[in-house]
Structures are given as C-alpha cells and as structure tokens.
Amino acid sequence: MGLNKEGKKVMRKKNQKKPIDCIEDALETFKERNKTYGDNYLQHGKVMMALFPNGVELKTIEQHNRFGVVNMIVAKLTRYAQNWPAGHLDSVHDLGVYAFILESLDSGKSQ
C-alpha cells in the first residue's frame, strides 16, 4: 500500500512490482549481459570515431534514421567481437536485419 499525490492510500495490484524490484531486475539483466558482452560499450566510441573521423552532421530526419541504424550495427558488431572467437548468434542475426534496414533507408534517399 502507498499514498497518491492527494495523500490517500492506494492499493497495489496483486502482482505489481515495487520500484526496488524493477531496479533489482535491471541490475540482474545488466550482470547477465555483461557476462556475455563484457564492457563493449567502452569500445563503441572508438569504432564510431574510426568510422567518422571528421564527425557527423545530421540535419534531416532521414540522416538521423540512417545514422541510428549505423549506430545499432556498430553496437551489434562490438557485441559480436566481445565473444570472439565463438561469436554470438543473436548479434549476427541483428547485424543482418540492421543491414537490410539500412539498405531500405538508402534506397529511398535522394542522390
């Protein structure tokens, strides 16, 4: 039971999680993913700098969409590399999907 903004008692639904439960679930997810991917997020910026050494200027929705997909490809690729030499099947599948999304977006851009 808690209080709403008017100070009235509010009953939680039977299966409703408390915020602390959500935080603990998120921590467990992080720990699990970290076992698989390590600290790949620390590699992401290095890869992006190598791909775009002069920076990136995004002005249109389309440019943001395409850059967002490239960003996801880099994220999946760094995750895959963290599991070298075995690789990581989910990351490979995601890479393929994002590559085709990028192709779709590129096919509609003006040259």
PDB file of N, CA and C in Angstrom:
ATOM      1  N   MET A   1       0.846  -1.160   0.000  1.00  0.00           N
ATOM      2  CA  MET A   1       0.000   0.000   0.000  1.00  0.00           C
ATOM      3  C   MET A   1       0.901   1.235   0.000  1.00  0.00           C
ATOM      4  N   GLY A   2       0.456   2.269  -0.711  1.00  0.00           N
ATOM      5  CA  GLY A   2       1.195   3.518  -0.770  1.00  0.00           C
ATOM      6  C   GLY A   2       0.234   4.690  -0.725  1.00  0.00           C
ATOM      7  N   LEU A   3       0.749   5.872  -0.944  1.00  0.00           N
ATOM      8  CA  LEU A   3      -0.069   7.077  -0.945  1.00  0.00           C
ATOM      9  C   LEU A   3       0.002   7.724  -2.318  1.00  0.00           C
ATOM     10  N   ASN A   4      -1.162   8.268  -2.777  1.00  0.00           N
ATOM     11  CA  ASN A   4      -1.144   9.015  -4.024  1.00  0.00           C
ATOM     12  C   ASN A   4      -0.801  10.472  -3.729  1.00  0.00           C
ATOM     13  N   LYS A   5      -0.816  11.339  -4.739  1.00  0.00           N
ATOM     14  CA  LYS A   5      -0.387  12.718  -4.526  1.00  0.00           C
ATOM     15  C   LYS A   5      -1.341  13.502  -3.632  1.00  0.00           C
ATOM     16  N   GLU A   6      -2.569  13.015  -3.457  1.00  0.00           N
ATOM     17  CA  GLU A   6      -3.503  13.655  -2.527  1.00  0.00           C
ATOM     18  C   GLU A   6      -3.357  13.116  -1.113  1.00  0.00           C
ATOM     19  N   GLY A   7      -2.456  12.159  -0.913  1.00  0.00           N
ATOM     20  CA  GLY A   7      -2.230  11.585   0.399  1.00  0.00           C
ATOM     21  C   GLY A   7      -3.179  10.450   0.743  1.00  0.00           C
ATOM     22  N   LYS A   8      -3.976  10.009  -0.234  1.00  0.00           N
ATOM     23  CA  LYS A   8      -4.894   8.893   0.007  1.00  0.00           C
ATOM     24  C   LYS A   8      -4.176   7.575  -0.215  1.00  0.00           C
ATOM     25  N   LYS A   9      -4.568   6.573   0.575  1.00  0.00           N
ATOM     26  CA  LYS A   9      -3.965   5.257   0.432  1.00  0.00           C
ATOM     27  C   LYS A   9      -4.340   4.651  -0.913  1.00  0.00           C
ATOM     28  N   VAL A  10      -3.351   4.011  -1.536  1.00  0.00           N
ATOM     29  CA  VAL A  10      -3.544   3.364  -2.822  1.00  0.00           C
ATOM     30  C   VAL A  10      -3.068   1.930  -2.697  1.00  0.00           C
ATOM     31  N   MET A  11      -3.901   1.004  -3.093  1.00  0.00           N
ATOM     32  CA  MET A  11      -3.548  -0.415  -3.045  1.00  0.00           C
ATOM     33  C   MET A  11      -2.778  -0.787  -4.307  1.00  0.00           C
ATOM     34  N   ARG A  12      -1.741  -1.578  -4.142  1.00  0.00           N
ATOM     35  CA  ARG A  12      -1.037  -2.123  -5.292  1.00  0.00           C
ATOM     36  C   ARG A  12      -1.836  -3.299  -5.828  1.00  0.00           C
ATOM     37  N   LYS A  13      -1.737  -3.495  -7.141  1.00  0.00           N
ATOM     38  CA  LYS A  13      -2.330  -4.689  -7.723  1.00  0.00           C
ATOM     39  C   LYS A  13      -1.552  -5.887  -7.196  1.00  0.00           C
ATOM     40  N   LYS A  14      -2.181  -7.025  -7.176  1.00  0.00           N
ATOM     41  CA  LYS A  14      -1.607  -8.219  -6.573  1.00  0.00           C
ATOM     42  C   LYS A  14      -0.196  -8.538  -7.079  1.00  0.00           C
ATOM     43  N   ASN A  15       0.037  -8.460  -8.373  1.00  0.00           N
ATOM     44  CA  ASN A  15       1.334  -8.831  -8.955  1.00  0.00           C
ATOM     45  C   ASN A  15       2.197  -7.625  -9.307  1.00  0.00           C
ATOM     46  N   GLN A  16       1.784  -6.429  -8.917  1.00  0.00           N
ATOM     47  CA  GLN A  16       2.533  -5.227  -9.278  1.00  0.00           C
ATOM     48  C   GLN A  16       3.850  -5.168  -8.510  1.00  0.00           C
ATOM     49  N   LYS A  17       4.924  -4.917  -9.261  1.00  0.00           N
ATOM     50  CA  LYS A  17       6.248  -4.817  -8.650  1.00  0.00           C
ATOM     51  C   LYS A  17       6.415  -3.464  -7.978  1.00  0.00           C
ATOM     52  N   LYS A  18       7.246  -3.449  -6.968  1.00  0.00           N
ATOM     53  CA  LYS A  18       7.660  -2.200  -6.356  1.00  0.00           C
ATOM     54  C   LYS A  18       8.831  -1.658  -7.174  1.00  0.00           C
ATOM     55  N   PRO A  19       9.083  -0.351  -7.103  1.00  0.00           N
ATOM     56  CA  PRO A  19      10.215   0.200  -7.865  1.00  0.00           C
ATOM     57  C   PRO A  19      11.543  -0.500  -7.550  1.00  0.00           C
ATOM     58  N   ILE A  20      11.777  -0.845  -6.308  1.00  0.00           N
ATOM     59  CA  ILE A  20      13.032  -1.508  -5.948  1.00  0.00           C
ATOM     60  C   ILE A  20      13.155  -2.859  -6.647  1.00  0.00           C
ATOM     61  N   ASP A  21      12.034  -3.556  -6.854  1.00  0.00           N
ATOM     62  CA  ASP A  21      12.051  -4.826  -7.583  1.00  0.00           C
ATOM     63  C   ASP A  21      12.486  -4.603  -9.032  1.00  0.00           C
ATOM     64  N   CYS A  22      11.993  -3.534  -9.629  1.00  0.00           N
ATOM     65  CA  CYS A  22      12.361  -3.209 -11.014  1.00  0.00           C
ATOM     66  C   CYS A  22      13.845  -2.889 -11.105  1.00  0.00           C
ATOM     67  N   ILE A  23      14.364  -2.149 -10.139  1.00  0.00           N
ATOM     68  CA  ILE A  23      15.783  -1.806 -10.116  1.00  0.00           C
ATOM     69  C   ILE A  23      16.631  -3.069  -9.971  1.00  0.00           C
ATOM     70  N   GLU A  24      16.226  -3.967  -9.082  1.00  0.00           N
ATOM     71  CA  GLU A  24      16.965  -5.208  -8.888  1.00  0.00           C
ATOM     72  C   GLU A  24      16.919  -6.088 -10.138  1.00  0.00           C
ATOM     73  N   ASP A  25      15.759  -6.127 -10.816  1.00  0.00           N
ATOM     74  CA  ASP A  25      15.656  -6.878 -12.071  1.00  0.00           C
ATOM     75  C   ASP A  25      16.599  -6.300 -13.120  1.00  0.00           C
ATOM     76  N   ALA A  26      16.656  -4.971 -13.200  1.00  0.00           N
ATOM     77  CA  ALA A  26      17.536  -4.324 -14.169  1.00  0.00           C
ATOM     78  C   ALA A  26      18.998  -4.636 -13.869  1.00  0.00           C
ATOM     79  N   LEU A  27      19.358  -4.647 -12.587  1.00  0.00           N
ATOM     80  CA  LEU A  27      20.735  -4.976 -12.202  1.00  0.00           C
ATOM     81  C   LEU A  27      21.081  -6.404 -12.612  1.00  0.00           C
ATOM     82  N   GLU A  28      20.152  -7.328 -12.407  1.00  0.00           N
ATOM     83  CA  GLU A  28      20.394  -8.716 -12.806  1.00  0.00           C
ATOM     84  C   GLU A  28      20.559  -8.827 -14.324  1.00  0.00           C
ATOM     85  N   THR A  29      19.745  -8.092 -15.076  1.00  0.00           N
ATOM     86  CA  THR A  29      19.870  -8.090 -16.535  1.00  0.00           C
ATOM     87  C   THR A  29      21.238  -7.568 -16.939  1.00  0.00           C
ATOM     88  N   PHE A  30      21.666  -6.460 -16.307  1.00  0.00           N
ATOM     89  CA  PHE A  30      22.985  -5.903 -16.609  1.00  0.00           C
ATOM     90  C   PHE A  30      24.080  -6.924 -16.335  1.00  0.00           C
ATOM     91  N   LYS A  31      24.020  -7.587 -15.201  1.00  0.00           N
ATOM     92  CA  LYS A  31      25.041  -8.568 -14.842  1.00  0.00           C
ATOM     93  C   LYS A  31      25.093  -9.707 -15.863  1.00  0.00           C
ATOM     94  N   GLU A  32      23.922 -10.190 -16.289  1.00  0.00           N
ATOM     95  CA  GLU A  32      23.869 -11.270 -17.273  1.00  0.00           C
ATOM     96  C   GLU A  32      24.449 -10.828 -18.604  1.00  0.00           C
ATOM     97  N   ARG A  33      24.026  -9.656 -19.080  1.00  0.00           N
ATOM     98  CA  ARG A  33      24.503  -9.153 -20.368  1.00  0.00           C
ATOM     99  C   ARG A  33      26.013  -8.882 -20.311  1.00  0.00           C
ATOM    100  N   ASN A  34      26.484  -8.408 -19.163  1.00  0.00           N
ATOM    101  CA  ASN A  34      27.896  -8.106 -19.024  1.00  0.00           C
ATOM    102  C   ASN A  34      28.736  -9.371 -19.113  1.00  0.00           C
ATOM    103  N   LYS A  35      28.199 -10.500 -18.648  1.00  0.00           N
ATOM    104  CA  LYS A  35      28.904 -11.776 -18.795  1.00  0.00           C
ATOM    105  C   LYS A  35      29.074 -12.123 -20.275  1.00  0.00           C
ATOM    106  N   THR A  36      28.063 -11.812 -21.072  1.00  0.00           N
ATOM    107  CA  THR A  36      28.086 -12.139 -22.494  1.00  0.00           C
ATOM    108  C   THR A  36      28.873 -11.117 -23.297  1.00  0.00           C
ATOM    109  N   TYR A  37      28.605  -9.819 -23.063  1.00  0.00           N
ATOM    110  CA  TYR A  37      29.154  -8.771 -23.916  1.00  0.00           C
ATOM    111  C   TYR A  37      30.337  -8.032 -23.311  1.00  0.00           C
ATOM    112  N   GLY A  38      30.610  -8.255 -22.043  1.00  0.00           N
ATOM    113  CA  GLY A  38      31.689  -7.516 -21.407  1.00  0.00           C
ATOM    114  C   GLY A  38      31.404  -6.022 -21.435  1.00  0.00           C
ATOM    115  N   ASP A  39      32.446  -5.243 -21.432  1.00  0.00           N
ATOM    116  CA  ASP A  39      32.290  -3.787 -21.454  1.00  0.00           C
ATOM    117  C   ASP A  39      32.363  -3.258 -22.881  1.00  0.00           C
ATOM    118  N   ASN A  40      31.619  -3.893 -23.795  1.00  0.00           N
ATOM    119  CA  ASN A  40      31.676  -3.485 -25.199  1.00  0.00           C
ATOM    120  C   ASN A  40      31.286  -2.028 -25.397  1.00  0.00           C
ATOM    121  N   TYR A  41      30.490  -1.482 -24.502  1.00  0.00           N
ATOM    122  CA  TYR A  41      30.080  -0.078 -24.630  1.00  0.00           C
ATOM    123  C   TYR A  41      31.267   0.869 -24.553  1.00  0.00           C
ATOM    124  N   LEU A  42      32.376   0.407 -23.984  1.00  0.00           N
ATOM    125  CA  LEU A  42      33.585   1.230 -23.930  1.00  0.00           C
ATOM    126  C   LEU A  42      34.328   1.227 -25.269  1.00  0.00           C
ATOM    127  N   GLN A  43      34.002   0.286 -26.141  1.00  0.00           N
ATOM    128  CA  GLN A  43      34.614   0.210 -27.467  1.00  0.00           C
ATOM    129  C   GLN A  43      33.819   0.979 -28.515  1.00  0.00           C
ATOM    130  N   HIS A  44      32.569   1.215 -28.233  1.00  0.00           N
ATOM    131  CA  HIS A  44      31.655   1.807 -29.218  1.00  0.00           C
ATOM    132  C   HIS A  44      32.164   3.153 -29.740  1.00  0.00           C
ATOM    133  N   GLY A  45      32.547   4.028 -28.846  1.00  0.00           N
ATOM    134  CA  GLY A  45      33.010   5.357 -29.257  1.00  0.00           C
ATOM    135  C   GLY A  45      34.261   5.292 -30.112  1.00  0.00           C
ATOM    136  N   LYS A  46      35.158   4.361 -29.800  1.00  0.00           N
ATOM    137  CA  LYS A  46      36.380   4.200 -30.592  1.00  0.00           C
ATOM    138  C   LYS A  46      36.038   3.805 -32.025  1.00  0.00           C
ATOM    139  N   VAL A  47      35.099   2.888 -32.171  1.00  0.00           N
ATOM    140  CA  VAL A  47      34.707   2.433 -33.502  1.00  0.00           C
ATOM    141  C   VAL A  47      34.031   3.577 -34.264  1.00  0.00           C
ATOM    142  N   MET A  48      33.147   4.285 -33.602  1.00  0.00           N
ATOM    143  CA  MET A  48      32.444   5.392 -34.273  1.00  0.00           C
ATOM    144  C   MET A  48      33.438   6.470 -34.712  1.00  0.00           C
ATOM    145  N   MET A  49      34.439   6.772 -33.877  1.00  0.00           N
ATOM    146  CA  MET A  49      35.460   7.750 -34.248  1.00  0.00           C
ATOM    147  C   MET A  49      36.260   7.279 -35.457  1.00  0.00           C
ATOM    148  N   ALA A  50      36.541   5.975 -35.528  1.00  0.00           N
ATOM    149  CA  ALA A  50      37.273   5.432 -36.678  1.00  0.00           C
ATOM    150  C   ALA A  50      36.430   5.518 -37.952  1.00  0.00           C
ATOM    151  N   LEU A  51      35.132   5.287 -37.832  1.00  0.00           N
ATOM    152  CA  LEU A  51      34.242   5.354 -38.998  1.00  0.00           C
ATOM    153  C   LEU A  51      33.982   6.784 -39.443  1.00  0.00           C
ATOM    154  N   PHE A  52      33.927   7.696 -38.488  1.00  0.00           N
ATOM    155  CA  PHE A  52      33.590   9.092 -38.776  1.00  0.00           C
ATOM    156  C   PHE A  52      34.637  10.031 -38.165  1.00  0.00           C
ATOM    157  N   PRO A  53      35.868   9.995 -38.681  1.00  0.00           N
ATOM    158  CA  PRO A  53      36.933  10.794 -38.067  1.00  0.00           C
ATOM    159  C   PRO A  53      36.704  12.303 -38.141  1.00  0.00           C
ATOM    160  N   ASN A  54      35.872  12.754 -39.073  1.00  0.00           N
ATOM    161  CA  ASN A  54      35.576  14.185 -39.199  1.00  0.00           C
ATOM    162  C   ASN A  54      34.272  14.569 -38.507  1.00  0.00           C
ATOM    163  N   GLY A  55      33.739  13.652 -37.716  1.00  0.00           N
ATOM    164  CA  GLY A  55      32.472  13.919 -37.045  1.00  0.00           C
ATOM    165  C   GLY A  55      31.294  13.643 -37.970  1.00  0.00           C
ATOM    166  N   VAL A  56      30.120  13.890 -37.465  1.00  0.00           N
ATOM    167  CA  VAL A  56      28.894  13.623 -38.213  1.00  0.00           C
ATOM    168  C   VAL A  56      27.963  14.812 -38.046  1.00  0.00           C
ATOM    169  N   GLU A  57      27.447  15.287 -39.161  1.00  0.00           N
ATOM    170  CA  GLU A  57      26.452  16.358 -39.113  1.00  0.00           C
ATOM    171  C   GLU A  57      25.122  15.770 -39.566  1.00  0.00           C
ATOM    172  N   LEU A  58      24.142  15.833 -38.713  1.00  0.00           N
ATOM    173  CA  LEU A  58      22.821  15.283 -39.014  1.00  0.00           C
ATOM    174  C   LEU A  58      21.810  16.415 -38.985  1.00  0.00           C
ATOM    175  N   LYS A  59      21.150  16.638 -40.117  1.00  0.00           N
ATOM    176  CA  LYS A  59      20.202  17.751 -40.200  1.00  0.00           C
ATOM    177  C   LYS A  59      18.775  17.311 -40.518  1.00  0.00           C
ATOM    178  N   THR A  60      18.633  16.151 -41.134  1.00  0.00           N
ATOM    179  CA  THR A  60      17.300  15.726 -41.554  1.00  0.00           C
ATOM    180  C   THR A  60      16.868  14.492 -40.779  1.00  0.00           C
ATOM    181  N   ILE A  61      15.600  14.229 -40.814  1.00  0.00           N
ATOM    182  CA  ILE A  61      15.070  13.004 -40.196  1.00  0.00           C
ATOM    183  C   ILE A  61      15.715  11.787 -40.836  1.00  0.00           C
ATOM    184  N   GLU A  62      15.843  11.812 -42.151  1.00  0.00           N
ATOM    185  CA  GLU A  62      16.426  10.678 -42.861  1.00  0.00           C
ATOM    186  C   GLU A  62      17.873  10.434 -42.426  1.00  0.00           C
ATOM    187  N   GLN A  63      18.652  11.510 -42.270  1.00  0.00           N
ATOM    188  CA  GLN A  63      20.030  11.353 -41.824  1.00  0.00           C
ATOM    189  C   GLN A  63      20.083  10.771 -40.413  1.00  0.00           C
ATOM    190  N   HIS A  64      19.209  11.238 -39.557  1.00  0.00           N
ATOM    191  CA  HIS A  64      19.155  10.688 -38.189  1.00  0.00           C
ATOM    192  C   HIS A  64      18.758   9.220 -38.216  1.00  0.00           C
ATOM    193  N   ASN A  65      17.785   8.874 -39.057  1.00  0.00           N
ATOM    194  CA  ASN A  65      17.363   7.468 -39.165  1.00  0.00           C
ATOM    195  C   ASN A  65      18.521   6.587 -39.615  1.00  0.00           C
ATOM    196  N   ARG A  66      19.210   7.002 -40.664  1.00  0.00           N
ATOM    197  CA  ARG A  66      20.317   6.202 -41.195  1.00  0.00           C
ATOM    198  C   ARG A  66      21.449   6.099 -40.178  1.00  0.00           C
ATOM    199  N   PHE A  67      21.792   7.204 -39.531  1.00  0.00           N
ATOM    200  CA  PHE A  67      22.853   7.177 -38.533  1.00  0.00           C
ATOM    201  C   PHE A  67      22.461   6.279 -37.359  1.00  0.00           C
ATOM    202  N   GLY A  68      21.199   6.330 -36.973  1.00  0.00           N
ATOM    203  CA  GLY A  68      20.724   5.466 -35.889  1.00  0.00           C
ATOM    204  C   GLY A  68      20.912   3.998 -36.209  1.00  0.00           C
ATOM    205  N   VAL A  69      20.653   3.626 -37.457  1.00  0.00           N
ATOM    206  CA  VAL A  69      20.832   2.228 -37.859  1.00  0.00           C
ATOM    207  C   VAL A  69      22.318   1.871 -37.897  1.00  0.00           C
ATOM    208  N   VAL A  70      23.168   2.764 -38.415  1.00  0.00           N
ATOM    209  CA  VAL A  70      24.617   2.515 -38.400  1.00  0.00           C
ATOM    210  C   VAL A  70      25.085   2.338 -36.960  1.00  0.00           C
ATOM    211  N   ASN A  71      24.570   3.162 -36.066  1.00  0.00           N
ATOM    212  CA  ASN A  71      24.911   3.062 -34.649  1.00  0.00           C
ATOM    213  C   ASN A  71      24.542   1.681 -34.096  1.00  0.00           C
ATOM    214  N   MET A  72      23.369   1.178 -34.464  1.00  0.00           N
ATOM    215  CA  MET A  72      22.948  -0.152 -33.999  1.00  0.00           C
ATOM    216  C   MET A  72      23.857  -1.242 -34.582  1.00  0.00           C
ATOM    217  N   ILE A  73      24.267  -1.078 -35.852  1.00  0.00           N
ATOM    218  CA  ILE A  73      25.169  -2.047 -36.471  1.00  0.00           C
ATOM    219  C   ILE A  73      26.485  -2.094 -35.703  1.00  0.00           C
ATOM    220  N   VAL A  74      27.009  -0.930 -35.346  1.00  0.00           N
ATOM    221  CA  VAL A  74      28.262  -0.891 -34.582  1.00  0.00           C
ATOM    222  C   VAL A  74      28.065  -1.551 -33.222  1.00  0.00           C
ATOM    223  N   ALA A  75      26.934  -1.291 -32.568  1.00  0.00           N
ATOM    224  CA  ALA A  75      26.670  -1.907 -31.266  1.00  0.00           C
ATOM    225  C   ALA A  75      26.645  -3.428 -31.382  1.00  0.00           C
ATOM    226  N   LYS A  76      25.984  -3.939 -32.401  1.00  0.00           N
ATOM    227  CA  LYS A  76      25.906  -5.392 -32.580  1.00  0.00           C
ATOM    228  C   LYS A  76      27.257  -5.976 -32.957  1.00  0.00           C
ATOM    229  N   LEU A  77      28.025  -5.243 -33.768  1.00  0.00           N
ATOM    230  CA  LEU A  77      29.340  -5.719 -34.168  1.00  0.00           C
ATOM    231  C   LEU A  77      30.304  -5.754 -32.983  1.00  0.00           C
ATOM    232  N   THR A  78      30.270  -4.745 -32.126  1.00  0.00           N
ATOM    233  CA  THR A  78      31.150  -4.771 -30.952  1.00  0.00           C
ATOM    234  C   THR A  78      30.734  -5.869 -29.981  1.00  0.00           C
ATOM    235  N   ARG A  79      29.445  -6.130 -29.884  1.00  0.00           N
ATOM    236  CA  ARG A  79      28.992  -7.244 -29.038  1.00  0.00           C
ATOM    237  C   ARG A  79      29.496  -8.572 -29.587  1.00  0.00           C
ATOM    238  N   TYR A  80      29.396  -8.715 -30.914  1.00  0.00           N
ATOM    239  CA  TYR A  80      29.887  -9.937 -31.551  1.00  0.00           C
ATOM    240  C   TYR A  80      31.376 -10.115 -31.268  1.00  0.00           C
ATOM    241  N   ALA A  81      32.137  -9.045 -31.421  1.00  0.00           N
ATOM    242  CA  ALA A  81      33.590  -9.110 -31.233  1.00  0.00           C
ATOM    243  C   ALA A  81      33.957  -9.451 -29.791  1.00  0.00           C
ATOM    244  N   GLN A  82      33.145  -9.062 -28.826  1.00  0.00           N
ATOM    245  CA  GLN A  82      33.418  -9.387 -27.428  1.00  0.00           C
ATOM    246  C   GLN A  82      33.357 -10.888 -27.174  1.00  0.00           C
ATOM    247  N   ASN A  83      32.713 -11.614 -28.074  1.00  0.00           N
ATOM    248  CA  ASN A  83      32.574 -13.062 -27.915  1.00  0.00           C
ATOM    249  C   ASN A  83      33.481 -13.836 -28.864  1.00  0.00           C
ATOM    250  N   TRP A  84      34.510 -13.174 -29.355  1.00  0.00           N
ATOM    251  CA  TRP A  84      35.467 -13.813 -30.248  1.00  0.00           C
ATOM    252  C   TRP A  84      36.269 -14.866 -29.496  1.00  0.00           C
ATOM    253  N   PRO A  85      36.550 -16.013 -30.036  1.00  0.00           N
ATOM    254  CA  PRO A  85      36.347 -16.441 -31.407  1.00  0.00           C
ATOM    255  C   PRO A  85      35.006 -17.120 -31.652  1.00  0.00           C
ATOM    256  N   ALA A  86      34.249 -17.367 -30.606  1.00  0.00           N
ATOM    257  CA  ALA A  86      32.992 -18.106 -30.781  1.00  0.00           C
ATOM    258  C   ALA A  86      31.929 -17.301 -31.527  1.00  0.00           C
ATOM    259  N   GLY A  87      31.905 -15.990 -31.340  1.00  0.00           N
ATOM    260  CA  GLY A  87      30.849 -15.169 -31.936  1.00  0.00           C
ATOM    261  C   GLY A  87      29.608 -15.187 -31.076  1.00  0.00           C
ATOM    262  N   HIS A  88      28.553 -14.586 -31.585  1.00  0.00           N
ATOM    263  CA  HIS A  88      27.295 -14.510 -30.847  1.00  0.00           C
ATOM    264  C   HIS A  88      26.156 -14.472 -31.861  1.00  0.00           C
ATOM    265  N   LEU A  89      25.395 -15.558 -31.934  1.00  0.00           N
ATOM    266  CA  LEU A  89      24.387 -15.742 -32.977  1.00  0.00           C
ATOM    267  C   LEU A  89      23.353 -14.621 -33.012  1.00  0.00           C
ATOM    268  N   ASP A  90      22.838 -14.200 -31.858  1.00  0.00           N
ATOM    269  CA  ASP A  90      21.843 -13.118 -31.848  1.00  0.00           C
ATOM    270  C   ASP A  90      22.399 -11.848 -32.476  1.00  0.00           C
ATOM    271  N   SER A  91      23.660 -11.537 -32.182  1.00  0.00           N
ATOM    272  CA  SER A  91      24.271 -10.337 -32.742  1.00  0.00           C
ATOM    273  C   SER A  91      24.410 -10.451 -34.259  1.00  0.00           C
ATOM    274  N   VAL A  92      24.760 -11.645 -34.751  1.00  0.00           N
ATOM    275  CA  VAL A  92      24.865 -11.859 -36.196  1.00  0.00           C
ATOM    276  C   VAL A  92      23.512 -11.658 -36.857  1.00  0.00           C
ATOM    277  N   HIS A  93      22.486 -12.228 -36.288  1.00  0.00           N
ATOM    278  CA  HIS A  93      21.147 -12.061 -36.857  1.00  0.00           C
ATOM    279  C   HIS A  93      20.736 -10.595 -36.849  1.00  0.00           C
ATOM    280  N   ASP A  94      20.991  -9.914 -35.737  1.00  0.00           N
ATOM    281  CA  ASP A  94      20.659  -8.493 -35.650  1.00  0.00           C
ATOM    282  C   ASP A  94      21.434  -7.679 -36.676  1.00  0.00           C
ATOM    283  N   LEU A  95      22.706  -8.003 -36.868  1.00  0.00           N
ATOM    284  CA  LEU A  95      23.517  -7.301 -37.876  1.00  0.00           C
ATOM    285  C   LEU A  95      22.875  -7.412 -39.253  1.00  0.00           C
ATOM    286  N   GLY A  96      22.432  -8.614 -39.593  1.00  0.00           N
ATOM    287  CA  GLY A  96      21.778  -8.811 -40.891  1.00  0.00           C
ATOM    288  C   GLY A  96      20.525  -7.974 -41.028  1.00  0.00           C
ATOM    289  N   VAL A  97      19.709  -7.976 -40.002  1.00  0.00           N
ATOM    290  CA  VAL A  97      18.462  -7.207 -40.035  1.00  0.00           C
ATOM    291  C   VAL A  97      18.757  -5.721 -40.192  1.00  0.00           C
ATOM    292  N   TYR A  98      19.697  -5.202 -39.392  1.00  0.00           N
ATOM    293  CA  TYR A  98      20.011  -3.774 -39.472  1.00  0.00           C
ATOM    294  C   TYR A  98      20.635  -3.415 -40.819  1.00  0.00           C
ATOM    295  N   ALA A  99      21.407  -4.323 -41.404  1.00  0.00           N
ATOM    296  CA  ALA A  99      21.980  -4.061 -42.728  1.00  0.00           C
ATOM    297  C   ALA A  99      20.872  -3.898 -43.767  1.00  0.00           C
ATOM    298  N   PHE A 100      19.836  -4.736 -43.681  1.00  0.00           N
ATOM    299  CA  PHE A 100      18.742  -4.625 -44.641  1.00  0.00           C
ATOM    300  C   PHE A 100      17.869  -3.403 -44.374  1.00  0.00           C
ATOM    301  N   ILE A 101      17.743  -3.025 -43.119  1.00  0.00           N
ATOM    302  CA  ILE A 101      17.035  -1.781 -42.803  1.00  0.00           C
ATOM    303  C   ILE A 101      17.796  -0.603 -43.413  1.00  0.00           C
ATOM    304  N   LEU A 102      19.119  -0.617 -43.285  1.00  0.00           N
ATOM    305  CA  LEU A 102      19.942   0.450 -43.855  1.00  0.00           C
ATOM    306  C   LEU A 102      19.808   0.474 -45.374  1.00  0.00           C
ATOM    307  N   GLU A 103      19.809  -0.702 -45.992  1.00  0.00           N
ATOM    308  CA  GLU A 103      19.613  -0.754 -47.449  1.00  0.00           C
ATOM    309  C   GLU A 103      18.278  -0.135 -47.832  1.00  0.00           C
ATOM    310  N   SER A 104      17.252  -0.459 -47.091  1.00  0.00           N
ATOM    311  CA  SER A 104      15.920   0.092 -47.351  1.00  0.00           C
ATOM    312  C   SER A 104      15.925   1.613 -47.228  1.00  0.00           C
ATOM    313  N   LEU A 105      16.531   2.132 -46.164  1.00  0.00           N
ATOM    314  CA  LEU A 105      16.602   3.580 -45.997  1.00  0.00           C
ATOM    315  C   LEU A 105      17.430   4.234 -47.091  1.00  0.00           C
ATOM    316  N   ASP A 106      18.555   3.608 -47.458  1.00  0.00           N
ATOM    317  CA  ASP A 106      19.422   4.159 -48.520  1.00  0.00           C
ATOM    318  C   ASP A 106      18.721   4.166 -49.861  1.00  0.00           C
ATOM    319  N   SER A 107      17.877   3.165 -50.111  1.00  0.00           N
ATOM    320  CA  SER A 107      17.207   3.094 -51.420  1.00  0.00           C
ATOM    321  C   SER A 107      16.213   4.228 -51.615  1.00  0.00           C
ATOM    322  N   GLY A 108      15.759   4.827 -50.522  1.00  0.00           N
ATOM    323  CA  GLY A 108      14.783   5.910 -50.626  1.00  0.00           C
ATOM    324  C   GLY A 108      15.376   7.299 -50.528  1.00  0.00           C
ATOM    325  N   LYS A 109      16.693   7.394 -50.357  1.00  0.00           N
ATOM    326  CA  LYS A 109      17.301   8.726 -50.215  1.00  0.00           C
ATOM    327  C   LYS A 109      17.596   9.317 -51.577  1.00  0.00           C
ATOM    328  N   SER A 110      17.548  10.614 -51.629  1.00  0.00           N
ATOM    329  CA  SER A 110      17.867  11.284 -52.879  1.00  0.00           C
ATOM    330  C   SER A 110      19.384  11.344 -53.055  1.00  0.00           C
ATOM    331  N   GLN A 111      19.834  11.134 -54.248  1.00  0.00           N
ATOM    332  CA  GLN A 111      21.265  11.098 -54.556  1.00  0.00           C
ATOM    333  C   GLN A 111      21.801  12.485 -54.805  1.00  0.00           C
TER     334      GLN A 111
END
